[in-house]
Amino acid sequence: MKKSLVKILDANDDGELNIEDVRFLLVRHEWLFVAGLIISVGSLANVLGYTDIDSDLFWTCAGLGMALEYIDDIRRRRKQ
């Protein structure tokens, strides 16, 4: 189990899980994490009655986040 986890998280394929791998994984998806957190807090506030967010707006934001992640992933792959 440990070997497979290291293999999955080893971003630079050097056989070791180190700070460079973790930094690459966190920085790469940092903006997506923040966007997901904002959407989650907004939807929870909506469920609890603190806000009145339209569900179409929620799914628009989720779809936009997914499309931006795709574009970012393609851009990074072309740089390599």
Protein backbone atom coordinates (compact mmCIF):
# COMPACT_ATOMS: atom_id res chain seq x y z
CA MET A 1 0.00 0.00 0.00
CA LYS A 2 2.79 2.42 0.93
CA LYS A 3 4.68 1.84 -2.33
CA SER A 4 1.59 2.43 -4.46
CA LEU A 5 0.80 5.67 -2.61
CA VAL A 6 4.36 6.93 -3.13
CA LYS A 7 4.12 6.00 -6.81
CA ILE A 8 0.85 7.93 -7.19
CA LEU A 9 2.11 11.04 -5.37
CA ASP A 10 5.59 11.03 -6.95
CA ALA A 11 5.12 13.89 -9.41
CA ASN A 12 8.65 13.93 -10.84
CA ASP A 13 9.04 10.11 -11.05
CA ASP A 14 12.29 9.98 -9.07
CA GLY A 15 11.08 7.15 -6.83
CA GLU A 16 10.91 9.31 -3.73
CA LEU A 17 8.13 11.33 -2.17
CA ASN A 18 9.68 14.63 -1.09
CA ILE A 19 8.73 18.26 -0.60
CA GLU A 20 9.10 19.02 -4.32
CA ASP A 21 6.43 16.45 -5.15
CA VAL A 22 4.05 17.73 -2.48
CA ARG A 23 4.63 21.36 -3.50
CA PHE A 24 3.93 20.51 -7.15
CA LEU A 25 0.69 18.71 -6.27
CA LEU A 26 -0.55 21.47 -3.94
CA VAL A 27 0.41 24.47 -6.08
CA ARG A 28 -0.95 22.88 -9.21
CA HIS A 29 -4.45 22.54 -7.77
CA GLU A 30 -4.38 25.27 -5.16
CA TRP A 31 -6.79 27.58 -7.01
CA LEU A 32 -9.17 24.68 -7.63
CA PHE A 33 -9.16 23.85 -3.92
CA VAL A 34 -10.00 27.45 -3.02
CA ALA A 35 -12.79 27.59 -5.63
CA GLY A 36 -14.22 24.29 -4.36
CA LEU A 37 -14.10 25.55 -0.80
CA ILE A 38 -15.96 28.74 -1.74
CA ILE A 39 -18.62 26.77 -3.63
CA SER A 40 -19.00 24.35 -0.71
CA VAL A 41 -19.37 27.12 1.87
CA GLY A 42 -21.83 28.93 -0.38
CA SER A 43 -23.98 25.87 -0.92
CA LEU A 44 -23.92 25.01 2.80
CA ALA A 45 -24.96 28.57 3.64
CA ASN A 46 -27.77 28.18 1.12
CA VAL A 47 -28.96 24.90 2.68
CA LEU A 48 -28.89 26.42 6.16
CA GLY A 49 -30.93 29.38 4.97
CA TYR A 50 -28.29 32.10 5.34
CA THR A 51 -28.30 32.83 1.60
CA ASP A 52 -30.60 32.29 -1.35
CA ILE A 53 -28.21 31.10 -4.08
CA ASP A 54 -29.90 29.87 -7.25
CA SER A 55 -28.97 26.25 -8.07
CA ASP A 56 -28.27 27.23 -11.68
CA LEU A 57 -25.63 29.67 -10.44
CA PHE A 58 -24.07 26.92 -8.34
CA TRP A 59 -23.80 24.53 -11.29
CA THR A 60 -22.50 27.33 -13.51
CA CYS A 61 -19.67 27.96 -11.04
CA ALA A 62 -18.95 24.23 -10.74
CA GLY A 63 -18.87 23.82 -14.52
CA LEU A 64 -16.64 26.85 -14.94
CA GLY A 65 -14.23 25.45 -12.36
CA MET A 66 -14.11 22.14 -14.19
CA ALA A 67 -13.51 23.83 -17.56
CA LEU A 68 -10.73 25.98 -16.09
CA GLU A 69 -9.10 22.90 -14.58
CA TYR A 70 -9.15 21.24 -18.01
CA ILE A 71 -7.57 24.29 -19.67
CA ASP A 72 -4.92 24.53 -16.94
CA ASP A 73 -4.09 20.83 -17.26
CA ILE A 74 -3.71 21.06 -21.05
CA ARG A 75 -1.53 24.18 -20.70
CA ARG A 76 0.76 22.45 -18.21
CA ARG A 77 1.08 19.33 -20.36
CA ARG A 78 2.13 21.42 -23.36
CA LYS A 79 4.87 23.10 -21.29
CA GLN A 80 6.47 19.74 -20.51
